[in-house]
Amino acid sequence: MLKGCGIDLVKISRIKSAWERFGRRFLERVFTPAEQEYCLARKRPEESLAARFAAKEAVAKALG
């Protein structure tokens, strides 16, 4: 049963800045190896990383 609905928006620049500042540590803390591989293979990896990050935050909000 769904207990809540989560939505999250994230600025791509925020994720890009965190990635540039913390590098692999940021990626490994937030994303699974499969997510990293997928996102980093994209033409604009920062957009894919931001989308995944927003989805994870939305799920966290929905689940409480």
PDB file of N, CA and C in Angstrom:
ATOM      1  N   MET A   1       0.838  -1.162   0.000  1.00  0.00           N
ATOM      2  CA  MET A   1       0.000   0.000   0.000  1.00  0.00           C
ATOM      3  C   MET A   1       0.894   1.240   0.000  1.00  0.00           C
ATOM      4  N   LEU A   2       0.555   2.191  -0.841  1.00  0.00           N
ATOM      5  CA  LEU A   2       1.294   3.448  -0.917  1.00  0.00           C
ATOM      6  C   LEU A   2       0.864   4.343   0.232  1.00  0.00           C
ATOM      7  N   LYS A   3       1.827   4.810   0.997  1.00  0.00           N
ATOM      8  CA  LYS A   3       1.517   5.656   2.147  1.00  0.00           C
ATOM      9  C   LYS A   3       1.714   7.134   1.862  1.00  0.00           C
ATOM     10  N   GLY A   4       2.373   7.439   0.776  1.00  0.00           N
ATOM     11  CA  GLY A   4       2.621   8.841   0.472  1.00  0.00           C
ATOM     12  C   GLY A   4       3.065   9.005  -0.959  1.00  0.00           C
ATOM     13  N   CYS A   5       3.162  10.237  -1.342  1.00  0.00           N
ATOM     14  CA  CYS A   5       3.616  10.552  -2.690  1.00  0.00           C
ATOM     15  C   CYS A   5       4.795  11.506  -2.562  1.00  0.00           C
ATOM     16  N   GLY A   6       5.873  11.183  -3.232  1.00  0.00           N
ATOM     17  CA  GLY A   6       7.053  12.039  -3.160  1.00  0.00           C
ATOM     18  C   GLY A   6       7.363  12.645  -4.507  1.00  0.00           C
ATOM     19  N   ILE A   7       7.820  13.865  -4.471  1.00  0.00           N
ATOM     20  CA  ILE A   7       8.283  14.533  -5.689  1.00  0.00           C
ATOM     21  C   ILE A   7       9.514  15.340  -5.309  1.00  0.00           C
ATOM     22  N   ASP A   8      10.445  15.395  -6.216  1.00  0.00           N
ATOM     23  CA  ASP A   8      11.649  16.155  -5.930  1.00  0.00           C
ATOM     24  C   ASP A   8      12.202  16.738  -7.212  1.00  0.00           C
ATOM     25  N   LEU A   9      12.641  17.965  -7.124  1.00  0.00           N
ATOM     26  CA  LEU A   9      13.330  18.629  -8.226  1.00  0.00           C
ATOM     27  C   LEU A   9      14.736  18.929  -7.752  1.00  0.00           C
ATOM     28  N   VAL A  10      15.678  18.779  -8.633  1.00  0.00           N
ATOM     29  CA  VAL A  10      17.061  19.070  -8.270  1.00  0.00           C
ATOM     30  C   VAL A  10      17.719  19.814  -9.426  1.00  0.00           C
ATOM     31  N   LYS A  11      18.499  20.813  -9.090  1.00  0.00           N
ATOM     32  CA  LYS A  11      19.223  21.549 -10.130  1.00  0.00           C
ATOM     33  C   LYS A  11      20.373  20.691 -10.632  1.00  0.00           C
ATOM     34  N   ILE A  12      20.474  20.583 -11.928  1.00  0.00           N
ATOM     35  CA  ILE A  12      21.565  19.816 -12.530  1.00  0.00           C
ATOM     36  C   ILE A  12      22.898  20.396 -12.083  1.00  0.00           C
ATOM     37  N   SER A  13      22.974  21.710 -11.977  1.00  0.00           N
ATOM     38  CA  SER A  13      24.225  22.363 -11.567  1.00  0.00           C
ATOM     39  C   SER A  13      24.641  21.959 -10.153  1.00  0.00           C
ATOM     40  N   ARG A  14      23.672  21.687  -9.292  1.00  0.00           N
ATOM     41  CA  ARG A  14      23.982  21.254  -7.921  1.00  0.00           C
ATOM     42  C   ARG A  14      24.669  19.892  -7.930  1.00  0.00           C
ATOM     43  N   ILE A  15      24.152  18.978  -8.728  1.00  0.00           N
ATOM     44  CA  ILE A  15      24.743  17.644  -8.824  1.00  0.00           C
ATOM     45  C   ILE A  15      26.104  17.723  -9.504  1.00  0.00           C
ATOM     46  N   LYS A  16      26.194  18.529 -10.546  1.00  0.00           N
ATOM     47  CA  LYS A  16      27.468  18.686 -11.252  1.00  0.00           C
ATOM     48  C   LYS A  16      28.536  19.250 -10.315  1.00  0.00           C
ATOM     49  N   SER A  17      28.165  20.231  -9.502  1.00  0.00           N
ATOM     50  CA  SER A  17      29.110  20.823  -8.550  1.00  0.00           C
ATOM     51  C   SER A  17      29.581  19.810  -7.516  1.00  0.00           C
ATOM     52  N   ALA A  18      28.651  19.018  -6.991  1.00  0.00           N
ATOM     53  CA  ALA A  18      29.025  17.989  -6.011  1.00  0.00           C
ATOM     54  C   ALA A  18      29.950  16.960  -6.638  1.00  0.00           C
ATOM     55  N   TRP A  19      29.664  16.579  -7.849  1.00  0.00           N
ATOM     56  CA  TRP A  19      30.488  15.609  -8.576  1.00  0.00           C
ATOM     57  C   TRP A  19      31.886  16.175  -8.807  1.00  0.00           C
ATOM     58  N   GLU A  20      31.956  17.437  -9.246  1.00  0.00           N
ATOM     59  CA  GLU A  20      33.255  18.064  -9.492  1.00  0.00           C
ATOM     60  C   GLU A  20      34.048  18.240  -8.196  1.00  0.00           C
ATOM     61  N   ARG A  21      33.364  18.576  -7.122  1.00  0.00           N
ATOM     62  CA  ARG A  21      34.046  18.829  -5.844  1.00  0.00           C
ATOM     63  C   ARG A  21      34.516  17.547  -5.166  1.00  0.00           C
ATOM     64  N   PHE A  22      33.646  16.535  -5.137  1.00  0.00           N
ATOM     65  CA  PHE A  22      33.943  15.324  -4.379  1.00  0.00           C
ATOM     66  C   PHE A  22      34.306  14.116  -5.233  1.00  0.00           C
ATOM     67  N   GLY A  23      34.092  14.211  -6.539  1.00  0.00           N
ATOM     68  CA  GLY A  23      34.485  13.144  -7.457  1.00  0.00           C
ATOM     69  C   GLY A  23      33.859  11.793  -7.147  1.00  0.00           C
ATOM     70  N   ARG A  24      34.694  10.776  -7.178  1.00  0.00           N
ATOM     71  CA  ARG A  24      34.244   9.391  -6.967  1.00  0.00           C
ATOM     72  C   ARG A  24      33.565   9.190  -5.622  1.00  0.00           C
ATOM     73  N   ARG A  25      34.020   9.904  -4.602  1.00  0.00           N
ATOM     74  CA  ARG A  25      33.397   9.759  -3.271  1.00  0.00           C
ATOM     75  C   ARG A  25      31.909  10.083  -3.329  1.00  0.00           C
ATOM     76  N   PHE A  26      31.568  11.138  -4.052  1.00  0.00           N
ATOM     77  CA  PHE A  26      30.160  11.510  -4.201  1.00  0.00           C
ATOM     78  C   PHE A  26      29.395  10.423  -4.939  1.00  0.00           C
ATOM     79  N   LEU A  27      29.941   9.985  -6.063  1.00  0.00           N
ATOM     80  CA  LEU A  27      29.265   8.968  -6.866  1.00  0.00           C
ATOM     81  C   LEU A  27      29.056   7.683  -6.076  1.00  0.00           C
ATOM     82  N   GLU A  28      30.086   7.239  -5.370  1.00  0.00           N
ATOM     83  CA  GLU A  28      29.996   5.975  -4.635  1.00  0.00           C
ATOM     84  C   GLU A  28      29.063   6.059  -3.436  1.00  0.00           C
ATOM     85  N   ARG A  29      28.935   7.241  -2.867  1.00  0.00           N
ATOM     86  CA  ARG A  29      28.054   7.399  -1.707  1.00  0.00           C
ATOM     87  C   ARG A  29      26.577   7.427  -2.107  1.00  0.00           C
ATOM     88  N   VAL A  30      26.296   7.957  -3.295  1.00  0.00           N
ATOM     89  CA  VAL A  30      24.907   8.191  -3.702  1.00  0.00           C
ATOM     90  C   VAL A  30      24.362   7.158  -4.686  1.00  0.00           C
ATOM     91  N   PHE A  31      25.225   6.642  -5.565  1.00  0.00           N
ATOM     92  CA  PHE A  31      24.764   5.789  -6.659  1.00  0.00           C
ATOM     93  C   PHE A  31      25.377   4.391  -6.599  1.00  0.00           C
ATOM     94  N   THR A  32      24.602   3.410  -7.044  1.00  0.00           N
ATOM     95  CA  THR A  32      25.118   2.042  -7.140  1.00  0.00           C
ATOM     96  C   THR A  32      26.124   1.978  -8.288  1.00  0.00           C
ATOM     97  N   PRO A  33      26.962   0.945  -8.311  1.00  0.00           N
ATOM     98  CA  PRO A  33      27.888   0.798  -9.440  1.00  0.00           C
ATOM     99  C   PRO A  33      27.163   0.762 -10.794  1.00  0.00           C
ATOM    100  N   ALA A  34      26.022   0.100 -10.842  1.00  0.00           N
ATOM    101  CA  ALA A  34      25.264   0.030 -12.101  1.00  0.00           C
ATOM    102  C   ALA A  34      24.743   1.407 -12.509  1.00  0.00           C
ATOM    103  N   GLU A  35      24.272   2.188 -11.551  1.00  0.00           N
ATOM    104  CA  GLU A  35      23.796   3.541 -11.853  1.00  0.00           C
ATOM    105  C   GLU A  35      24.942   4.423 -12.348  1.00  0.00           C
ATOM    106  N   GLN A  36      26.079   4.306 -11.710  1.00  0.00           N
ATOM    107  CA  GLN A  36      27.250   5.082 -12.134  1.00  0.00           C
ATOM    108  C   GLN A  36      27.634   4.726 -13.567  1.00  0.00           C
ATOM    109  N   GLU A  37      27.703   3.445 -13.844  1.00  0.00           N
ATOM    110  CA  GLU A  37      28.079   2.991 -15.187  1.00  0.00           C
ATOM    111  C   GLU A  37      27.107   3.530 -16.236  1.00  0.00           C
ATOM    112  N   TYR A  38      25.820   3.417 -15.940  1.00  0.00           N
ATOM    113  CA  TYR A  38      24.796   3.893 -16.877  1.00  0.00           C
ATOM    114  C   TYR A  38      24.919   5.401 -17.104  1.00  0.00           C
ATOM    115  N   CYS A  39      24.947   6.158 -16.020  1.00  0.00           N
ATOM    116  CA  CYS A  39      24.955   7.618 -16.132  1.00  0.00           C
ATOM    117  C   CYS A  39      26.228   8.148 -16.786  1.00  0.00           C
ATOM    118  N   LEU A  40      27.359   7.585 -16.416  1.00  0.00           N
ATOM    119  CA  LEU A  40      28.626   8.082 -16.949  1.00  0.00           C
ATOM    120  C   LEU A  40      28.810   7.746 -18.424  1.00  0.00           C
ATOM    121  N   ALA A  41      28.033   6.802 -18.931  1.00  0.00           N
ATOM    122  CA  ALA A  41      28.100   6.445 -20.352  1.00  0.00           C
ATOM    123  C   ALA A  41      27.229   7.364 -21.217  1.00  0.00           C
ATOM    124  N   ARG A  42      26.407   8.187 -20.593  1.00  0.00           N
ATOM    125  CA  ARG A  42      25.513   9.087 -21.321  1.00  0.00           C
ATOM    126  C   ARG A  42      26.282  10.286 -21.867  1.00  0.00           C
ATOM    127  N   LYS A  43      25.670  10.921 -22.856  1.00  0.00           N
ATOM    128  CA  LYS A  43      26.272  12.102 -23.478  1.00  0.00           C
ATOM    129  C   LYS A  43      26.413  13.246 -22.468  1.00  0.00           C
ATOM    130  N   ARG A  44      25.407  13.399 -21.611  1.00  0.00           N
ATOM    131  CA  ARG A  44      25.429  14.426 -20.556  1.00  0.00           C
ATOM    132  C   ARG A  44      25.233  13.735 -19.206  1.00  0.00           C
ATOM    133  N   PRO A  45      26.289  13.189 -18.647  1.00  0.00           N
ATOM    134  CA  PRO A  45      26.150  12.403 -17.421  1.00  0.00           C
ATOM    135  C   PRO A  45      25.552  13.177 -16.252  1.00  0.00           C
ATOM    136  N   GLU A  46      25.818  14.468 -16.161  1.00  0.00           N
ATOM    137  CA  GLU A  46      25.281  15.238 -15.039  1.00  0.00           C
ATOM    138  C   GLU A  46      23.756  15.265 -15.059  1.00  0.00           C
ATOM    139  N   GLU A  47      23.146  15.233 -16.243  1.00  0.00           N
ATOM    140  CA  GLU A  47      21.688  15.198 -16.334  1.00  0.00           C
ATOM    141  C   GLU A  47      21.143  13.855 -15.857  1.00  0.00           C
ATOM    142  N   SER A  48      21.793  12.781 -16.238  1.00  0.00           N
ATOM    143  CA  SER A  48      21.363  11.449 -15.800  1.00  0.00           C
ATOM    144  C   SER A  48      21.558  11.282 -14.299  1.00  0.00           C
ATOM    145  N   LEU A  49      22.673  11.781 -13.785  1.00  0.00           N
ATOM    146  CA  LEU A  49      22.924  11.704 -12.341  1.00  0.00           C
ATOM    147  C   LEU A  49      21.873  12.505 -11.576  1.00  0.00           C
ATOM    148  N   ALA A  50      21.543  13.689 -12.065  1.00  0.00           N
ATOM    149  CA  ALA A  50      20.542  14.526 -11.396  1.00  0.00           C
ATOM    150  C   ALA A  50      19.164  13.865 -11.416  1.00  0.00           C
ATOM    151  N   ALA A  51      18.805  13.250 -12.528  1.00  0.00           N
ATOM    152  CA  ALA A  51      17.509  12.567 -12.625  1.00  0.00           C
ATOM    153  C   ALA A  51      17.430  11.411 -11.639  1.00  0.00           C
ATOM    154  N   ARG A  52      18.489  10.628 -11.554  1.00  0.00           N
ATOM    155  CA  ARG A  52      18.511   9.506 -10.602  1.00  0.00           C
ATOM    156  C   ARG A  52      18.454  10.012  -9.168  1.00  0.00           C
ATOM    157  N   PHE A  53      19.203  11.070  -8.889  1.00  0.00           N
ATOM    158  CA  PHE A  53      19.218  11.639  -7.548  1.00  0.00           C
ATOM    159  C   PHE A  53      17.817  12.111  -7.155  1.00  0.00           C
ATOM    160  N   ALA A  54      17.147  12.825  -8.054  1.00  0.00           N
ATOM    161  CA  ALA A  54      15.797  13.316  -7.781  1.00  0.00           C
ATOM    162  C   ALA A  54      14.825  12.162  -7.557  1.00  0.00           C
ATOM    163  N   ALA A  55      14.947  11.109  -8.346  1.00  0.00           N
ATOM    164  CA  ALA A  55      14.069   9.944  -8.180  1.00  0.00           C
ATOM    165  C   ALA A  55      14.281   9.295  -6.818  1.00  0.00           C
ATOM    166  N   LYS A  56      15.529   9.170  -6.408  1.00  0.00           N
ATOM    167  CA  LYS A  56      15.819   8.565  -5.102  1.00  0.00           C
ATOM    168  C   LYS A  56      15.249   9.418  -3.969  1.00  0.00           C
ATOM    169  N   GLU A  57      15.379  10.728  -4.084  1.00  0.00           N
ATOM    170  CA  GLU A  57      14.831  11.613  -3.055  1.00  0.00           C
ATOM    171  C   GLU A  57      13.303  11.525  -3.013  1.00  0.00           C
ATOM    172  N   ALA A  58      12.668  11.422  -4.167  1.00  0.00           N
ATOM    173  CA  ALA A  58      11.207  11.311  -4.214  1.00  0.00           C
ATOM    174  C   ALA A  58      10.738  10.022  -3.545  1.00  0.00           C
ATOM    175  N   VAL A  59      11.438   8.932  -3.797  1.00  0.00           N
ATOM    176  CA  VAL A  59      11.092   7.655  -3.158  1.00  0.00           C
ATOM    177  C   VAL A  59      11.265   7.765  -1.648  1.00  0.00           C
ATOM    178  N   ALA A  60      12.353   8.376  -1.222  1.00  0.00           N
ATOM    179  CA  ALA A  60      12.589   8.543   0.218  1.00  0.00           C
ATOM    180  C   ALA A  60      11.464   9.352   0.861  1.00  0.00           C
ATOM    181  N   LYS A  61      11.003  10.394   0.190  1.00  0.00           N
ATOM    182  CA  LYS A  61       9.898  11.200   0.714  1.00  0.00           C
ATOM    183  C   LYS A  61       8.603  10.395   0.764  1.00  0.00           C
ATOM    184  N   ALA A  62       8.352   9.603  -0.270  1.00  0.00           N
ATOM    185  CA  ALA A  62       7.116   8.816  -0.327  1.00  0.00           C
ATOM    186  C   ALA A  62       7.084   7.744   0.755  1.00  0.00           C
ATOM    187  N   LEU A  63       8.237   7.164   1.036  1.00  0.00           N
ATOM    188  CA  LEU A  63       8.293   6.093   2.033  1.00  0.00           C
ATOM    189  C   LEU A  63       8.429   6.615   3.457  1.00  0.00           C
ATOM    190  N   GLY A  64       8.730   7.878   3.567  1.00  0.00           N
ATOM    191  CA  GLY A  64       8.830   8.488   4.892  1.00  0.00           C
ATOM    192  C   GLY A  64      10.171   8.395   5.418  1.00  0.00           C
TER     193      GLY A  64
END
